[in-house]
Amino acid sequence: MIAILGLIAGIVIGFIVDPTIPAWLQPFLPVAVVAGLDALFGAGRAWLEGVFSDRVFIMSFFWNVAVACLLVFLGAQLGVGSAMTTAVVVVLGIRIFSNTASIRRLIFKA
C-alpha cells in the first residue's frame, strides 16, 4: 500500500512541479519507467499469491531499473541504442502482460 501511495504522490508532484529532464537522461527514462512498472506488477502478483516481501519488491524495483538502464547504456555505446531500448521494452512488456494475466486469473479465478 505504501508503494501505491508513493506512486500517486510522485505523479501528483510531477504534475505540479513539471520537471525538465536533462538531455543525457532522456533515453533512460522510458526504460526506467517500464522496468519500475514490471516490478510493481510483479509485486501485485506476489501480494495476491500471498508471497509478497517488501525487501524483494524494493530490490526487484531498483535492480530492474539499474539493469534496464545499463543495457540501454551499453546499446548506446555499441551503436545499437534504439534497438537495445526496443529489446528491453519488449522483454519487460512481455513480463508485465504475464503478470497482469496472472493477476487477472487470481482475482477472477478464470
PDB file of N, CA and C in Angstrom:
ATOM      1  N   MET A   1       0.816  -1.189   0.000  1.00  0.00           N
ATOM      2  CA  MET A   1       0.000   0.000   0.000  1.00  0.00           C
ATOM      3  C   MET A   1       0.864   1.259   0.000  1.00  0.00           C
ATOM      4  N   ILE A   2       1.990   1.193   0.693  1.00  0.00           N
ATOM      5  CA  ILE A   2       2.890   2.348   0.733  1.00  0.00           C
ATOM      6  C   ILE A   2       3.435   2.645  -0.661  1.00  0.00           C
ATOM      7  N   ALA A   3       3.719   1.593  -1.434  1.00  0.00           N
ATOM      8  CA  ALA A   3       4.239   1.789  -2.785  1.00  0.00           C
ATOM      9  C   ALA A   3       3.207   2.486  -3.668  1.00  0.00           C
ATOM     10  N   ILE A   4       1.955   2.102  -3.541  1.00  0.00           N
ATOM     11  CA  ILE A   4       0.898   2.723  -4.350  1.00  0.00           C
ATOM     12  C   ILE A   4       0.722   4.185  -3.955  1.00  0.00           C
ATOM     13  N   LEU A   5       0.734   4.461  -2.651  1.00  0.00           N
ATOM     14  CA  LEU A   5       0.633   5.858  -2.203  1.00  0.00           C
ATOM     15  C   LEU A   5       1.826   6.680  -2.675  1.00  0.00           C
ATOM     16  N   GLY A   6       3.020   6.089  -2.642  1.00  0.00           N
ATOM     17  CA  GLY A   6       4.207   6.774  -3.143  1.00  0.00           C
ATOM     18  C   GLY A   6       4.122   7.059  -4.635  1.00  0.00           C
ATOM     19  N   LEU A   7       3.582   6.084  -5.384  1.00  0.00           N
ATOM     20  CA  LEU A   7       3.403   6.276  -6.825  1.00  0.00           C
ATOM     21  C   LEU A   7       2.438   7.417  -7.105  1.00  0.00           C
ATOM     22  N   ILE A   8       1.320   7.440  -6.393  1.00  0.00           N
ATOM     23  CA  ILE A   8       0.327   8.509  -6.575  1.00  0.00           C
ATOM     24  C   ILE A   8       0.921   9.854  -6.195  1.00  0.00           C
ATOM     25  N   ALA A   9       1.648   9.902  -5.060  1.00  0.00           N
ATOM     26  CA  ALA A   9       2.272  11.161  -4.636  1.00  0.00           C
ATOM     27  C   ALA A   9       3.293  11.633  -5.668  1.00  0.00           C
ATOM     28  N   GLY A  10       4.073  10.707  -6.219  1.00  0.00           N
ATOM     29  CA  GLY A  10       5.056  11.068  -7.239  1.00  0.00           C
ATOM     30  C   GLY A  10       4.419  11.628  -8.498  1.00  0.00           C
ATOM     31  N   ILE A  11       3.318  11.035  -8.920  1.00  0.00           N
ATOM     32  CA  ILE A  11       2.613  11.528 -10.110  1.00  0.00           C
ATOM     33  C   ILE A  11       2.070  12.929  -9.865  1.00  0.00           C
ATOM     34  N   VAL A  12       1.443  13.139  -8.702  1.00  0.00           N
ATOM     35  CA  VAL A  12       0.889  14.462  -8.377  1.00  0.00           C
ATOM     36  C   VAL A  12       1.997  15.502  -8.306  1.00  0.00           C
ATOM     37  N   ILE A  13       3.099  15.178  -7.635  1.00  0.00           N
ATOM     38  CA  ILE A  13       4.224  16.123  -7.534  1.00  0.00           C
ATOM     39  C   ILE A  13       4.801  16.415  -8.919  1.00  0.00           C
ATOM     40  N   GLY A  14       4.869  15.388  -9.778  1.00  0.00           N
ATOM     41  CA  GLY A  14       5.371  15.586 -11.129  1.00  0.00           C
ATOM     42  C   GLY A  14       4.523  16.553 -11.937  1.00  0.00           C
ATOM     43  N   PHE A  15       3.201  16.482 -11.770  1.00  0.00           N
ATOM     44  CA  PHE A  15       2.324  17.410 -12.480  1.00  0.00           C
ATOM     45  C   PHE A  15       2.416  18.827 -11.925  1.00  0.00           C
ATOM     46  N   ILE A  16       2.602  18.942 -10.624  1.00  0.00           N
ATOM     47  CA  ILE A  16       2.673  20.271 -10.003  1.00  0.00           C
ATOM     48  C   ILE A  16       4.007  20.949 -10.316  1.00  0.00           C
ATOM     49  N   VAL A  17       5.116  20.228 -10.151  1.00  0.00           N
ATOM     50  CA  VAL A  17       6.448  20.811 -10.318  1.00  0.00           C
ATOM     51  C   VAL A  17       6.821  20.938 -11.792  1.00  0.00           C
ATOM     52  N   ASP A  18       6.360  20.027 -12.639  1.00  0.00           N
ATOM     53  CA  ASP A  18       6.678  19.989 -14.065  1.00  0.00           C
ATOM     54  C   ASP A  18       8.192  20.025 -14.298  1.00  0.00           C
ATOM     55  N   PRO A  19       8.884  18.960 -13.891  1.00  0.00           N
ATOM     56  CA  PRO A  19      10.350  18.959 -14.002  1.00  0.00           C
ATOM     57  C   PRO A  19      10.817  18.832 -15.452  1.00  0.00           C
ATOM     58  N   THR A  20      11.991  19.356 -15.730  1.00  0.00           N
ATOM     59  CA  THR A  20      12.620  19.177 -17.034  1.00  0.00           C
ATOM     60  C   THR A  20      13.690  18.104 -16.895  1.00  0.00           C
ATOM     61  N   ILE A  21      13.718  17.197 -17.846  1.00  0.00           N
ATOM     62  CA  ILE A  21      14.652  16.081 -17.831  1.00  0.00           C
ATOM     63  C   ILE A  21      15.878  16.474 -18.650  1.00  0.00           C
ATOM     64  N   PRO A  22      17.080  16.322 -18.107  1.00  0.00           N
ATOM     65  CA  PRO A  22      18.292  16.644 -18.885  1.00  0.00           C
ATOM     66  C   PRO A  22      18.385  15.751 -20.126  1.00  0.00           C
ATOM     67  N   ALA A  23      18.971  16.280 -21.173  1.00  0.00           N
ATOM     68  CA  ALA A  23      19.039  15.562 -22.452  1.00  0.00           C
ATOM     69  C   ALA A  23      19.777  14.228 -22.331  1.00  0.00           C
ATOM     70  N   TRP A  24      20.818  14.158 -21.494  1.00  0.00           N
ATOM     71  CA  TRP A  24      21.581  12.917 -21.372  1.00  0.00           C
ATOM     72  C   TRP A  24      20.782  11.822 -20.663  1.00  0.00           C
ATOM     73  N   LEU A  25      19.760  12.214 -19.905  1.00  0.00           N
ATOM     74  CA  LEU A  25      18.960  11.250 -19.155  1.00  0.00           C
ATOM     75  C   LEU A  25      17.733  10.774 -19.922  1.00  0.00           C
ATOM     76  N   GLN A  26      17.341  11.478 -20.964  1.00  0.00           N
ATOM     77  CA  GLN A  26      16.107  11.180 -21.687  1.00  0.00           C
ATOM     78  C   GLN A  26      16.036   9.777 -22.287  1.00  0.00           C
ATOM     79  N   PRO A  27      17.102   9.195 -22.808  1.00  0.00           N
ATOM     80  CA  PRO A  27      16.976   7.829 -23.342  1.00  0.00           C
ATOM     81  C   PRO A  27      16.704   6.779 -22.262  1.00  0.00           C
ATOM     82  N   PHE A  28      17.082   7.067 -21.024  1.00  0.00           N
ATOM     83  CA  PHE A  28      16.952   6.092 -19.951  1.00  0.00           C
ATOM     84  C   PHE A  28      15.600   6.155 -19.245  1.00  0.00           C
ATOM     85  N   LEU A  29      14.932   7.294 -19.284  1.00  0.00           N
ATOM     86  CA  LEU A  29      13.701   7.478 -18.528  1.00  0.00           C
ATOM     87  C   LEU A  29      12.576   6.522 -18.935  1.00  0.00           C
ATOM     88  N   PRO A  30      12.262   6.371 -20.223  1.00  0.00           N
ATOM     89  CA  PRO A  30      11.174   5.449 -20.579  1.00  0.00           C
ATOM     90  C   PRO A  30      11.465   4.011 -20.154  1.00  0.00           C
ATOM     91  N   VAL A  31      12.711   3.585 -20.300  1.00  0.00           N
ATOM     92  CA  VAL A  31      13.080   2.224 -19.932  1.00  0.00           C
ATOM     93  C   VAL A  31      12.990   2.060 -18.415  1.00  0.00           C
ATOM     94  N   ALA A  32      13.413   3.068 -17.665  1.00  0.00           N
ATOM     95  CA  ALA A  32      13.331   3.001 -16.206  1.00  0.00           C
ATOM     96  C   ALA A  32      11.879   2.928 -15.744  1.00  0.00           C
ATOM     97  N   VAL A  33      10.999   3.667 -16.397  1.00  0.00           N
ATOM     98  CA  VAL A  33       9.577   3.632 -16.032  1.00  0.00           C
ATOM     99  C   VAL A  33       8.991   2.252 -16.308  1.00  0.00           C
ATOM    100  N   VAL A  34       9.289   1.685 -17.460  1.00  0.00           N
ATOM    101  CA  VAL A  34       8.769   0.350 -17.796  1.00  0.00           C
ATOM    102  C   VAL A  34       9.339  -0.694 -16.837  1.00  0.00           C
ATOM    103  N   ALA A  35      10.612  -0.578 -16.469  1.00  0.00           N
ATOM    104  CA  ALA A  35      11.211  -1.518 -15.516  1.00  0.00           C
ATOM    105  C   ALA A  35      10.552  -1.382 -14.146  1.00  0.00           C
ATOM    106  N   GLY A  36      10.249  -0.168 -13.741  1.00  0.00           N
ATOM    107  CA  GLY A  36       9.549   0.051 -12.472  1.00  0.00           C
ATOM    108  C   GLY A  36       8.145  -0.524 -12.501  1.00  0.00           C
ATOM    109  N   LEU A  37       7.458  -0.365 -13.624  1.00  0.00           N
ATOM    110  CA  LEU A  37       6.120  -0.945 -13.758  1.00  0.00           C
ATOM    111  C   LEU A  37       6.164  -2.467 -13.698  1.00  0.00           C
ATOM    112  N   ASP A  38       7.199  -3.050 -14.274  1.00  0.00           N
ATOM    113  CA  ASP A  38       7.366  -4.500 -14.206  1.00  0.00           C
ATOM    114  C   ASP A  38       7.479  -4.951 -12.753  1.00  0.00           C
ATOM    115  N   ALA A  39       8.283  -4.255 -11.975  1.00  0.00           N
ATOM    116  CA  ALA A  39       8.430  -4.606 -10.557  1.00  0.00           C
ATOM    117  C   ALA A  39       7.122  -4.395  -9.799  1.00  0.00           C
ATOM    118  N   LEU A  40       6.383  -3.344 -10.138  1.00  0.00           N
ATOM    119  CA  LEU A  40       5.115  -3.056  -9.469  1.00  0.00           C
ATOM    120  C   LEU A  40       4.080  -4.136  -9.747  1.00  0.00           C
ATOM    121  N   PHE A  41       3.964  -4.553 -11.002  1.00  0.00           N
ATOM    122  CA  PHE A  41       3.005  -5.616 -11.329  1.00  0.00           C
ATOM    123  C   PHE A  41       3.447  -6.955 -10.749  1.00  0.00           C
ATOM    124  N   GLY A  42       4.742  -7.193 -10.699  1.00  0.00           N
ATOM    125  CA  GLY A  42       5.251  -8.401 -10.047  1.00  0.00           C
ATOM    126  C   GLY A  42       4.917  -8.413  -8.566  1.00  0.00           C
ATOM    127  N   ALA A  43       5.006  -7.254  -7.925  1.00  0.00           N
ATOM    128  CA  ALA A  43       4.654  -7.146  -6.507  1.00  0.00           C
ATOM    129  C   ALA A  43       3.163  -7.380  -6.303  1.00  0.00           C
ATOM    130  N   GLY A  44       2.345  -6.858  -7.216  1.00  0.00           N
ATOM    131  CA  GLY A  44       0.902  -7.097  -7.121  1.00  0.00           C
ATOM    132  C   GLY A  44       0.566  -8.572  -7.239  1.00  0.00           C
ATOM    133  N   ARG A  45       1.227  -9.226  -8.155  1.00  0.00           N
ATOM    134  CA  ARG A  45       1.027 -10.669  -8.326  1.00  0.00           C
ATOM    135  C   ARG A  45       1.455 -11.421  -7.068  1.00  0.00           C
ATOM    136  N   ALA A  46       2.618 -11.083  -6.522  1.00  0.00           N
ATOM    137  CA  ALA A  46       3.109 -11.751  -5.311  1.00  0.00           C
ATOM    138  C   ALA A  46       2.167 -11.509  -4.136  1.00  0.00           C
ATOM    139  N   TRP A  47       1.633 -10.301  -4.032  1.00  0.00           N
ATOM    140  CA  TRP A  47       0.714  -9.991  -2.947  1.00  0.00           C
ATOM    141  C   TRP A  47      -0.548 -10.840  -3.044  1.00  0.00           C
ATOM    142  N   LEU A  48      -1.086 -10.978  -4.256  1.00  0.00           N
ATOM    143  CA  LEU A  48      -2.280 -11.805  -4.435  1.00  0.00           C
ATOM    144  C   LEU A  48      -1.999 -13.286  -4.186  1.00  0.00           C
ATOM    145  N   GLU A  49      -0.771 -13.718  -4.460  1.00  0.00           N
ATOM    146  CA  GLU A  49      -0.401 -15.110  -4.208  1.00  0.00           C
ATOM    147  C   GLU A  49      -0.031 -15.345  -2.747  1.00  0.00           C
ATOM    148  N   GLY A  50       0.074 -14.276  -1.962  1.00  0.00           N
ATOM    149  CA  GLY A  50       0.394 -14.391  -0.552  1.00  0.00           C
ATOM    150  C   GLY A  50       1.865 -14.588  -0.254  1.00  0.00           C
ATOM    151  N   VAL A  51       2.731 -14.240  -1.201  1.00  0.00           N
ATOM    152  CA  VAL A  51       4.174 -14.414  -1.006  1.00  0.00           C
ATOM    153  C   VAL A  51       4.933 -13.088  -1.117  1.00  0.00           C
ATOM    154  N   PHE A  52       4.240 -11.970  -0.926  1.00  0.00           N
ATOM    155  CA  PHE A  52       4.866 -10.658  -1.071  1.00  0.00           C
ATOM    156  C   PHE A  52       5.889 -10.426   0.030  1.00  0.00           C
ATOM    157  N   SER A  53       7.025  -9.862  -0.368  1.00  0.00           N
ATOM    158  CA  SER A  53       8.057  -9.446   0.579  1.00  0.00           C
ATOM    159  C   SER A  53       8.503  -8.042   0.181  1.00  0.00           C
ATOM    160  N   ASP A  54       8.465  -7.133   1.142  1.00  0.00           N
ATOM    161  CA  ASP A  54       8.843  -5.758   0.816  1.00  0.00           C
ATOM    162  C   ASP A  54      10.310  -5.660   0.419  1.00  0.00           C
ATOM    163  N   ARG A  55      11.162  -6.468   1.015  1.00  0.00           N
ATOM    164  CA  ARG A  55      12.577  -6.458   0.632  1.00  0.00           C
ATOM    165  C   ARG A  55      12.769  -6.907  -0.806  1.00  0.00           C
ATOM    166  N   VAL A  56      12.061  -7.964  -1.177  1.00  0.00           N
ATOM    167  CA  VAL A  56      12.163  -8.462  -2.553  1.00  0.00           C
ATOM    168  C   VAL A  56      11.648  -7.404  -3.527  1.00  0.00           C
ATOM    169  N   PHE A  57      10.551  -6.734  -3.160  1.00  0.00           N
ATOM    170  CA  PHE A  57       9.999  -5.702  -4.038  1.00  0.00           C
ATOM    171  C   PHE A  57      10.982  -4.558  -4.243  1.00  0.00           C
ATOM    172  N   ILE A  58      11.551  -4.050  -3.158  1.00  0.00           N
ATOM    173  CA  ILE A  58      12.483  -2.920  -3.263  1.00  0.00           C
ATOM    174  C   ILE A  58      13.703  -3.315  -4.090  1.00  0.00           C
ATOM    175  N   MET A  59      14.268  -4.487  -3.801  1.00  0.00           N
ATOM    176  CA  MET A  59      15.439  -4.941  -4.567  1.00  0.00           C
ATOM    177  C   MET A  59      15.082  -5.167  -6.033  1.00  0.00           C
ATOM    178  N   SER A  60      13.925  -5.770  -6.279  1.00  0.00           N
ATOM    179  CA  SER A  60      13.488  -6.017  -7.651  1.00  0.00           C
ATOM    180  C   SER A  60      13.311  -4.702  -8.402  1.00  0.00           C
ATOM    181  N   PHE A  61      12.692  -3.729  -7.741  1.00  0.00           N
ATOM    182  CA  PHE A  61      12.456  -2.430  -8.377  1.00  0.00           C
ATOM    183  C   PHE A  61      13.768  -1.784  -8.802  1.00  0.00           C
ATOM    184  N   PHE A  62      14.687  -1.626  -7.861  1.00  0.00           N
ATOM    185  CA  PHE A  62      15.943  -0.942  -8.181  1.00  0.00           C
ATOM    186  C   PHE A  62      16.826  -1.775  -9.101  1.00  0.00           C
ATOM    187  N   TRP A  63      16.820  -3.084  -8.931  1.00  0.00           N
ATOM    188  CA  TRP A  63      17.632  -3.945  -9.795  1.00  0.00           C
ATOM    189  C   TRP A  63      17.122  -3.899 -11.228  1.00  0.00           C
ATOM    190  N   ASN A  64      15.797  -3.995 -11.423  1.00  0.00           N
ATOM    191  CA  ASN A  64      15.229  -3.925 -12.771  1.00  0.00           C
ATOM    192  C   ASN A  64      15.588  -2.611 -13.451  1.00  0.00           C
ATOM    193  N   VAL A  65      15.434  -1.520 -12.719  1.00  0.00           N
ATOM    194  CA  VAL A  65      15.742  -0.204 -13.292  1.00  0.00           C
ATOM    195  C   VAL A  65      17.226  -0.110 -13.635  1.00  0.00           C
ATOM    196  N   ALA A  66      18.085  -0.561 -12.732  1.00  0.00           N
ATOM    197  CA  ALA A  66      19.535  -0.477 -12.977  1.00  0.00           C
ATOM    198  C   ALA A  66      19.963  -1.332 -14.163  1.00  0.00           C
ATOM    199  N   VAL A  67      19.473  -2.557 -14.238  1.00  0.00           N
ATOM    200  CA  VAL A  67      19.861  -3.445 -15.345  1.00  0.00           C
ATOM    201  C   VAL A  67      19.312  -2.921 -16.666  1.00  0.00           C
ATOM    202  N   ALA A  68      18.065  -2.463 -16.685  1.00  0.00           N
ATOM    203  CA  ALA A  68      17.481  -1.938 -17.923  1.00  0.00           C
ATOM    204  C   ALA A  68      18.266  -0.717 -18.410  1.00  0.00           C
ATOM    205  N   CYS A  69      18.604   0.193 -17.504  1.00  0.00           N
ATOM    206  CA  CYS A  69      19.381   1.379 -17.896  1.00  0.00           C
ATOM    207  C   CYS A  69      20.790   0.999 -18.332  1.00  0.00           C
ATOM    208  N   LEU A  70      21.378   0.017 -17.675  1.00  0.00           N
ATOM    209  CA  LEU A  70      22.710  -0.445 -18.078  1.00  0.00           C
ATOM    210  C   LEU A  70      22.675  -1.028 -19.486  1.00  0.00           C
ATOM    211  N   LEU A  71      21.649  -1.801 -19.802  1.00  0.00           N
ATOM    212  CA  LEU A  71      21.540  -2.363 -21.156  1.00  0.00           C
ATOM    213  C   LEU A  71      21.361  -1.264 -22.202  1.00  0.00           C
ATOM    214  N   VAL A  72      20.566  -0.250 -21.879  1.00  0.00           N
ATOM    215  CA  VAL A  72      20.394   0.870 -22.821  1.00  0.00           C
ATOM    216  C   VAL A  72      21.714   1.619 -22.986  1.00  0.00           C
ATOM    217  N   PHE A  73      22.442   1.820 -21.895  1.00  0.00           N
ATOM    218  CA  PHE A  73      23.740   2.488 -21.967  1.00  0.00           C
ATOM    219  C   PHE A  73      24.718   1.692 -22.829  1.00  0.00           C
ATOM    220  N   LEU A  74      24.782   0.376 -22.598  1.00  0.00           N
ATOM    221  CA  LEU A  74      25.675  -0.463 -23.404  1.00  0.00           C
ATOM    222  C   LEU A  74      25.271  -0.453 -24.874  1.00  0.00           C
ATOM    223  N   GLY A  75      23.970  -0.473 -25.122  1.00  0.00           N
ATOM    224  CA  GLY A  75      23.494  -0.401 -26.502  1.00  0.00           C
ATOM    225  C   GLY A  75      23.901   0.899 -27.180  1.00  0.00           C
ATOM    226  N   ALA A  76      23.834   2.003 -26.441  1.00  0.00           N
ATOM    227  CA  ALA A  76      24.257   3.295 -26.996  1.00  0.00           C
ATOM    228  C   ALA A  76      25.759   3.299 -27.270  1.00  0.00           C
ATOM    229  N   GLN A  77      26.544   2.686 -26.386  1.00  0.00           N
ATOM    230  CA  GLN A  77      27.987   2.635 -26.583  1.00  0.00           C
ATOM    231  C   GLN A  77      28.361   1.755 -27.778  1.00  0.00           C
ATOM    232  N   LEU A  78      27.564   0.729 -28.032  1.00  0.00           N
ATOM    233  CA  LEU A  78      27.830  -0.176 -29.156  1.00  0.00           C
ATOM    234  C   LEU A  78      27.230   0.320 -30.471  1.00  0.00           C
ATOM    235  N   GLY A  79      26.468   1.402 -30.394  1.00  0.00           N
ATOM    236  CA  GLY A  79      25.873   1.963 -31.607  1.00  0.00           C
ATOM    237  C   GLY A  79      24.532   1.353 -31.984  1.00  0.00           C
ATOM    238  N   VAL A  80      23.944   0.601 -31.083  1.00  0.00           N
ATOM    239  CA  VAL A  80      22.633  -0.007 -31.345  1.00  0.00           C
ATOM    240  C   VAL A  80      21.642   0.434 -30.263  1.00  0.00           C
ATOM    241  N   GLY A  81      21.712   1.706 -29.895  1.00  0.00           N
ATOM    242  CA  GLY A  81      20.911   2.224 -28.780  1.00  0.00           C
ATOM    243  C   GLY A  81      19.429   2.023 -28.941  1.00  0.00           C
ATOM    244  N   SER A  82      18.871   2.373 -30.097  1.00  0.00           N
ATOM    245  CA  SER A  82      17.419   2.252 -30.269  1.00  0.00           C
ATOM    246  C   SER A  82      16.997   0.789 -30.315  1.00  0.00           C
ATOM    247  N   ALA A  83      17.822  -0.064 -30.909  1.00  0.00           N
ATOM    248  CA  ALA A  83      17.491  -1.492 -30.955  1.00  0.00           C
ATOM    249  C   ALA A  83      17.525  -2.096 -29.556  1.00  0.00           C
ATOM    250  N   MET A  84      18.502  -1.717 -28.767  1.00  0.00           N
ATOM    251  CA  MET A  84      18.595  -2.251 -27.406  1.00  0.00           C
ATOM    252  C   MET A  84      17.448  -1.727 -26.551  1.00  0.00           C
ATOM    253  N   THR A  85      17.089  -0.462 -26.715  1.00  0.00           N
ATOM    254  CA  THR A  85      15.954   0.099 -25.978  1.00  0.00           C
ATOM    255  C   THR A  85      14.678  -0.656 -26.331  1.00  0.00           C
ATOM    256  N   THR A  86      14.480  -0.914 -27.615  1.00  0.00           N
ATOM    257  CA  THR A  86      13.305  -1.660 -28.047  1.00  0.00           C
ATOM    258  C   THR A  86      13.301  -3.064 -27.458  1.00  0.00           C
ATOM    259  N   ALA A  87      14.443  -3.713 -27.455  1.00  0.00           N
ATOM    260  CA  ALA A  87      14.530  -5.071 -26.905  1.00  0.00           C
ATOM    261  C   ALA A  87      14.189  -5.087 -25.422  1.00  0.00           C
ATOM    262  N   VAL A  88      14.714  -4.141 -24.667  1.00  0.00           N
ATOM    263  CA  VAL A  88      14.438  -4.078 -23.232  1.00  0.00           C
ATOM    264  C   VAL A  88      12.956  -3.825 -22.985  1.00  0.00           C
ATOM    265  N   VAL A  89      12.364  -2.894 -23.718  1.00  0.00           N
ATOM    266  CA  VAL A  89      10.947  -2.581 -23.542  1.00  0.00           C
ATOM    267  C   VAL A  89      10.081  -3.779 -23.921  1.00  0.00           C
ATOM    268  N   VAL A  90      10.442  -4.503 -24.976  1.00  0.00           N
ATOM    269  CA  VAL A  90       9.664  -5.678 -25.381  1.00  0.00           C
ATOM    270  C   VAL A  90       9.721  -6.754 -24.298  1.00  0.00           C
ATOM    271  N   VAL A  91      10.902  -7.047 -23.794  1.00  0.00           N
ATOM    272  CA  VAL A  91      11.045  -8.083 -22.757  1.00  0.00           C
ATOM    273  C   VAL A  91      10.283  -7.696 -21.498  1.00  0.00           C
ATOM    274  N   LEU A  92      10.447  -6.458 -21.053  1.00  0.00           N
ATOM    275  CA  LEU A  92       9.721  -6.023 -19.861  1.00  0.00           C
ATOM    276  C   LEU A  92       8.221  -5.964 -20.113  1.00  0.00           C
ATOM    277  N   GLY A  93       7.817  -5.599 -21.327  1.00  0.00           N
ATOM    278  CA  GLY A  93       6.400  -5.593 -21.674  1.00  0.00           C
ATOM    279  C   GLY A  93       5.797  -6.985 -21.608  1.00  0.00           C
ATOM    280  N   ILE A  94       6.534  -7.971 -22.082  1.00  0.00           N
ATOM    281  CA  ILE A  94       6.058  -9.357 -22.001  1.00  0.00           C
ATOM    282  C   ILE A  94       5.887  -9.762 -20.543  1.00  0.00           C
ATOM    283  N   ARG A  95       6.838  -9.380 -19.695  1.00  0.00           N
ATOM    284  CA  ARG A  95       6.722  -9.705 -18.270  1.00  0.00           C
ATOM    285  C   ARG A  95       5.535  -9.001 -17.634  1.00  0.00           C
ATOM    286  N   ILE A  96       5.288  -7.757 -18.012  1.00  0.00           N
ATOM    287  CA  ILE A  96       4.139  -7.022 -17.477  1.00  0.00           C
ATOM    288  C   ILE A  96       2.843  -7.708 -17.875  1.00  0.00           C
ATOM    289  N   PHE A  97       2.716  -8.088 -19.150  1.00  0.00           N
ATOM    290  CA  PHE A  97       1.496  -8.762 -19.595  1.00  0.00           C
ATOM    291  C   PHE A  97       1.338 -10.130 -18.929  1.00  0.00           C
ATOM    292  N   SER A  98       2.435 -10.824 -18.693  1.00  0.00           N
ATOM    293  CA  SER A  98       2.380 -12.106 -17.999  1.00  0.00           C
ATOM    294  C   SER A  98       1.889 -11.922 -16.565  1.00  0.00           C
ATOM    295  N   ASN A  99       2.417 -10.913 -15.895  1.00  0.00           N
ATOM    296  CA  ASN A  99       1.977 -10.645 -14.525  1.00  0.00           C
ATOM    297  C   ASN A  99       0.523 -10.204 -14.465  1.00  0.00           C
ATOM    298  N   THR A 100       0.093  -9.370 -15.412  1.00  0.00           N
ATOM    299  CA  THR A 100      -1.308  -8.939 -15.395  1.00  0.00           C
ATOM    300  C   THR A 100      -2.239 -10.104 -15.708  1.00  0.00           C
ATOM    301  N   ALA A 101      -1.808 -11.041 -16.556  1.00  0.00           N
ATOM    302  CA  ALA A 101      -2.627 -12.226 -16.815  1.00  0.00           C
ATOM    303  C   ALA A 101      -2.752 -13.077 -15.554  1.00  0.00           C
ATOM    304  N   SER A 102      -1.673 -13.211 -14.813  1.00  0.00           N
ATOM    305  CA  SER A 102      -1.720 -13.955 -13.554  1.00  0.00           C
ATOM    306  C   SER A 102      -2.593 -13.239 -12.531  1.00  0.00           C
ATOM    307  N   ILE A 103      -2.495 -11.922 -12.473  1.00  0.00           N
ATOM    308  CA  ILE A 103      -3.334 -11.137 -11.565  1.00  0.00           C
ATOM    309  C   ILE A 103      -4.807 -11.331 -11.920  1.00  0.00           C
ATOM    310  N   ARG A 104      -5.108 -11.277 -13.215  1.00  0.00           N
ATOM    311  CA  ARG A 104      -6.494 -11.490 -13.656  1.00  0.00           C
ATOM    312  C   ARG A 104      -6.996 -12.865 -13.229  1.00  0.00           C
ATOM    313  N   ARG A 105      -6.164 -13.896 -13.424  1.00  0.00           N
ATOM    314  CA  ARG A 105      -6.565 -15.252 -13.023  1.00  0.00           C
ATOM    315  C   ARG A 105      -6.772 -15.353 -11.526  1.00  0.00           C
ATOM    316  N   LEU A 106      -5.927 -14.692 -10.748  1.00  0.00           N
ATOM    317  CA  LEU A 106      -6.057 -14.758  -9.293  1.00  0.00           C
ATOM    318  C   LEU A 106      -7.288 -14.000  -8.801  1.00  0.00           C
ATOM    319  N   ILE A 107      -7.609 -12.890  -9.435  1.00  0.00           N
ATOM    320  CA  ILE A 107      -8.767 -12.090  -8.992  1.00  0.00           C
ATOM    321  C   ILE A 107     -10.074 -12.725  -9.443  1.00  0.00           C
ATOM    322  N   PHE A 108     -10.166 -13.101 -10.719  1.00  0.00           N
ATOM    323  CA  PHE A 108     -11.425 -13.578 -11.271  1.00  0.00           C
ATOM    324  C   PHE A 108     -11.543 -15.101 -11.300  1.00  0.00           C
ATOM    325  N   LYS A 109     -10.493 -15.783 -10.867  1.00  0.00           N
ATOM    326  CA  LYS A 109     -10.478 -17.254 -10.845  1.00  0.00           C
ATOM    327  C   LYS A 109     -10.800 -17.833 -12.218  1.00  0.00           C
ATOM    328  N   ALA A 110     -10.303 -17.138 -13.253  1.00  0.00           N
ATOM    329  CA  ALA A 110     -10.557 -17.612 -14.616  1.00  0.00           C
ATOM    330  C   ALA A 110      -9.317 -17.449 -15.465  1.00  0.00           C
TER     331      ALA A 110
END
